[in-house]
């Protein structure tokens, strides 16, 4: 079992999302105690960090697995449109705070700064939220079909229903 540690900014994020959402986020974080790699790995410049998706793609928990196998929760973001480079400024500040004495992390902060300046005027349309897989179906895909939790978490509702229907339609 791993230890889960929240950075001060992540605790602030939990306070900011409110008393209705925080328990949902914390419940999802409990998955990390048994399986630190339950979240999706992030790529590119954020290699080494992972994310958990909570709710109907409403919140993201960004974390990393430390050398001592503890889990450091770095941030909890509400997903949605944020204007004026707020996300980039916050990400840069957090990366810099985490990178004291680590040149590769300081470099990441500089890259985020540059990307923020280049993308200042770009607005990205958010895809419609995907409908989550109900718990009963997720349990059947995991325990009956034999899929991993990560694979099931990556499915949308239609994909999950299709997989279950395929499984049920095959003769045993």
Protein backbone atom coordinates (compact mmCIF):
# COMPACT_ATOMS: atom_id res chain seq x y z
CA UNK A 1 0.00 0.00 0.00
CA UNK A 2 1.30 3.45 -0.91
CA UNK A 3 1.21 6.72 1.03
CA UNK A 4 -0.68 9.57 -0.60
CA UNK A 5 0.60 13.09 0.04
CA UNK A 6 -1.16 16.26 -1.10
CA UNK A 7 0.88 19.33 -1.99
CA UNK A 8 -0.32 22.61 -0.47
CA UNK A 9 -1.72 23.81 -3.85
CA UNK A 10 -3.64 20.52 -4.23
CA UNK A 11 -5.21 21.00 -0.79
CA UNK A 12 -6.19 24.53 -1.87
CA UNK A 13 -7.74 23.04 -5.01
CA UNK A 14 -9.83 20.67 -2.90
CA UNK A 15 -11.08 23.59 -0.85
CA UNK A 16 -11.88 25.53 -4.02
CA UNK A 17 -13.96 22.77 -5.64
CA UNK A 18 -16.23 22.69 -2.61
CA UNK A 19 -17.78 20.29 -0.12
CA UNK A 20 -19.97 18.54 -2.69
CA UNK A 21 -17.14 17.61 -5.05
CA UNK A 22 -14.22 17.04 -2.67
CA UNK A 23 -15.52 13.68 -1.31
CA UNK A 24 -15.89 12.36 -4.88
CA UNK A 25 -12.32 13.35 -5.65
CA UNK A 26 -11.00 11.85 -2.40
CA UNK A 27 -12.90 8.60 -3.02
CA UNK A 28 -11.23 8.30 -6.42
CA UNK A 29 -7.81 9.04 -4.87
CA UNK A 30 -8.32 6.01 -2.61
CA UNK A 31 -7.82 3.84 -5.71
CA UNK A 32 -4.19 4.95 -5.68
CA UNK A 33 -3.60 3.27 -2.30
CA UNK A 34 -4.05 -0.15 -3.90
CA UNK A 35 -2.89 0.67 -7.42
CA UNK A 36 -0.66 3.75 -7.81
CA UNK A 37 -0.80 3.39 -11.59
CA UNK A 38 -4.61 3.51 -11.75
CA UNK A 39 -4.52 6.89 -13.50
CA UNK A 40 -3.67 7.61 -17.09
CA UNK A 41 -0.01 8.42 -17.82
CA UNK A 42 0.62 11.90 -19.18
CA UNK A 43 3.00 12.28 -22.07
CA UNK A 44 5.30 14.77 -23.67
CA UNK A 45 6.75 17.26 -21.25
CA UNK A 46 4.61 15.84 -18.43
CA UNK A 47 6.04 12.35 -18.67
CA UNK A 48 6.23 10.93 -15.16
CA UNK A 49 2.94 12.49 -14.09
CA UNK A 50 -0.41 10.71 -14.22
CA UNK A 51 -4.03 11.83 -14.03
CA UNK A 52 -7.20 10.45 -12.53
CA UNK A 53 -10.49 11.51 -14.07
CA UNK A 54 -13.31 12.05 -11.58
CA UNK A 55 -17.01 12.43 -12.29
CA UNK A 56 -18.28 12.83 -15.80
CA UNK A 57 -14.88 14.10 -16.89
CA UNK A 58 -15.45 17.00 -14.49
CA UNK A 59 -12.26 16.98 -12.40
CA UNK A 60 -8.70 15.90 -13.01
CA UNK A 61 -6.28 14.85 -10.28
CA UNK A 62 -2.67 15.20 -11.43
CA UNK A 63 -0.15 13.17 -9.46
CA UNK A 64 3.21 11.46 -9.66
CA UNK A 65 4.70 8.36 -8.11
CA UNK A 66 7.78 9.31 -6.13
CA UNK A 67 11.02 7.32 -5.88
CA UNK A 68 9.98 5.98 -2.45
CA UNK A 69 6.72 4.72 -4.05
CA UNK A 70 4.63 7.34 -2.27
CA UNK A 71 2.10 9.26 -4.34
CA UNK A 72 2.23 13.03 -4.52
CA UNK A 73 -1.06 14.69 -5.51
CA UNK A 74 0.03 17.85 -7.30
CA UNK A 75 -3.27 19.41 -8.32
CA UNK A 76 -7.01 18.97 -8.64
CA UNK A 77 -8.49 20.87 -11.57
CA UNK A 78 -12.06 21.39 -12.56
CA UNK A 79 -12.25 20.77 -16.27
CA UNK A 80 -13.77 23.57 -18.29
CA UNK A 81 -12.89 26.67 -20.20
CA UNK A 82 -10.44 28.94 -18.45
CA UNK A 83 -9.54 32.23 -20.01
CA UNK A 84 -6.52 34.55 -19.95
CA UNK A 85 -3.89 31.83 -19.63
CA UNK A 86 -4.97 30.98 -16.07
CA UNK A 87 -4.19 27.28 -16.52
CA UNK A 88 -0.74 27.94 -17.97
CA UNK A 89 0.16 30.44 -15.26
CA UNK A 90 -0.94 28.06 -12.52
CA UNK A 91 0.81 25.07 -14.07
CA UNK A 92 4.00 27.08 -14.47
CA UNK A 93 3.95 28.22 -10.84
CA UNK A 94 3.38 24.69 -9.57
CA UNK A 95 6.06 23.19 -11.79
CA UNK A 96 8.53 25.81 -10.61
CA UNK A 97 7.65 25.16 -6.97
CA UNK A 98 8.09 21.41 -7.45
CA UNK A 99 11.31 21.86 -9.42
CA UNK A 100 13.54 23.60 -6.91
CA UNK A 101 16.96 22.10 -7.50
CA UNK A 102 15.78 19.97 -10.42
CA UNK A 103 16.90 21.43 -13.77
CA UNK A 104 14.56 19.25 -15.86
CA UNK A 105 11.52 20.57 -14.00
CA UNK A 106 12.71 24.19 -14.25
CA UNK A 107 13.06 23.64 -18.01
CA UNK A 108 9.47 22.32 -18.08
CA UNK A 109 8.30 25.57 -16.45
CA UNK A 110 10.04 27.60 -19.16
CA UNK A 111 8.42 25.49 -21.88
CA UNK A 112 4.97 26.00 -20.35
CA UNK A 113 5.63 29.77 -20.32
CA UNK A 114 6.52 29.75 -24.02
CA UNK A 115 3.54 27.59 -24.99
CA UNK A 116 1.21 29.86 -23.02
CA UNK A 117 2.49 32.91 -24.89
CA UNK A 118 2.11 31.19 -28.26
CA UNK A 119 -1.40 29.87 -27.55
CA UNK A 120 -2.77 32.96 -25.81
CA UNK A 121 -5.35 33.65 -28.51
CA UNK A 122 -6.37 30.04 -29.22
CA UNK A 123 -9.66 28.72 -27.86
CA UNK A 124 -10.20 24.99 -27.92
CA UNK A 125 -13.72 23.64 -28.15
CA UNK A 126 -14.38 21.10 -25.45
CA UNK A 127 -15.79 17.81 -26.72
CA UNK A 128 -19.15 16.90 -25.22
CA UNK A 129 -18.70 15.06 -21.93
CA UNK A 130 -18.69 11.33 -22.38
CA UNK A 131 -21.21 9.31 -20.49
CA UNK A 132 -19.48 7.22 -17.82
CA UNK A 133 -19.70 3.46 -17.58
CA UNK A 134 -22.10 2.53 -14.75
CA UNK A 135 -20.54 0.68 -11.82
CA UNK A 136 -22.48 -2.52 -12.45
CA UNK A 137 -21.20 -2.73 -16.04
CA UNK A 138 -17.65 -1.83 -15.06
CA UNK A 139 -17.70 -4.60 -12.44
CA UNK A 140 -18.88 -7.15 -15.00
CA UNK A 141 -16.21 -6.11 -17.51
CA UNK A 142 -13.52 -6.37 -14.83
CA UNK A 143 -14.62 -9.52 -12.99
CA UNK A 144 -16.42 -11.48 -15.70
CA UNK A 145 -14.70 -10.45 -18.93
CA UNK A 146 -11.29 -10.03 -17.27
CA UNK A 147 -10.47 -6.48 -18.36
CA UNK A 148 -8.18 -4.28 -16.28
CA UNK A 149 -9.60 -1.32 -14.33
CA UNK A 150 -7.54 1.06 -16.47
CA UNK A 151 -8.96 -0.36 -19.71
CA UNK A 152 -12.51 -0.11 -18.40
CA UNK A 153 -11.92 3.45 -17.18
CA UNK A 154 -10.83 4.44 -20.69
CA UNK A 155 -14.12 3.27 -22.25
CA UNK A 156 -17.15 5.39 -22.94
CA UNK A 157 -20.60 3.96 -22.28
CA UNK A 158 -21.21 2.79 -25.85
CA UNK A 159 -17.87 0.97 -26.04
CA UNK A 160 -18.54 -0.75 -22.71
CA UNK A 161 -22.01 -1.88 -23.79
CA UNK A 162 -20.62 -3.18 -27.09
CA UNK A 163 -17.89 -5.17 -25.31
CA UNK A 164 -20.37 -6.67 -22.86
CA UNK A 165 -22.76 -7.57 -25.69
CA UNK A 166 -19.93 -9.22 -27.64
CA UNK A 167 -18.88 -11.20 -24.59
CA UNK A 168 -22.43 -12.34 -23.83
CA UNK A 169 -23.13 -13.33 -27.44
CA UNK A 170 -20.16 -15.73 -27.69
CA UNK A 171 -20.92 -19.37 -26.91
CA UNK A 172 -19.15 -20.83 -23.89
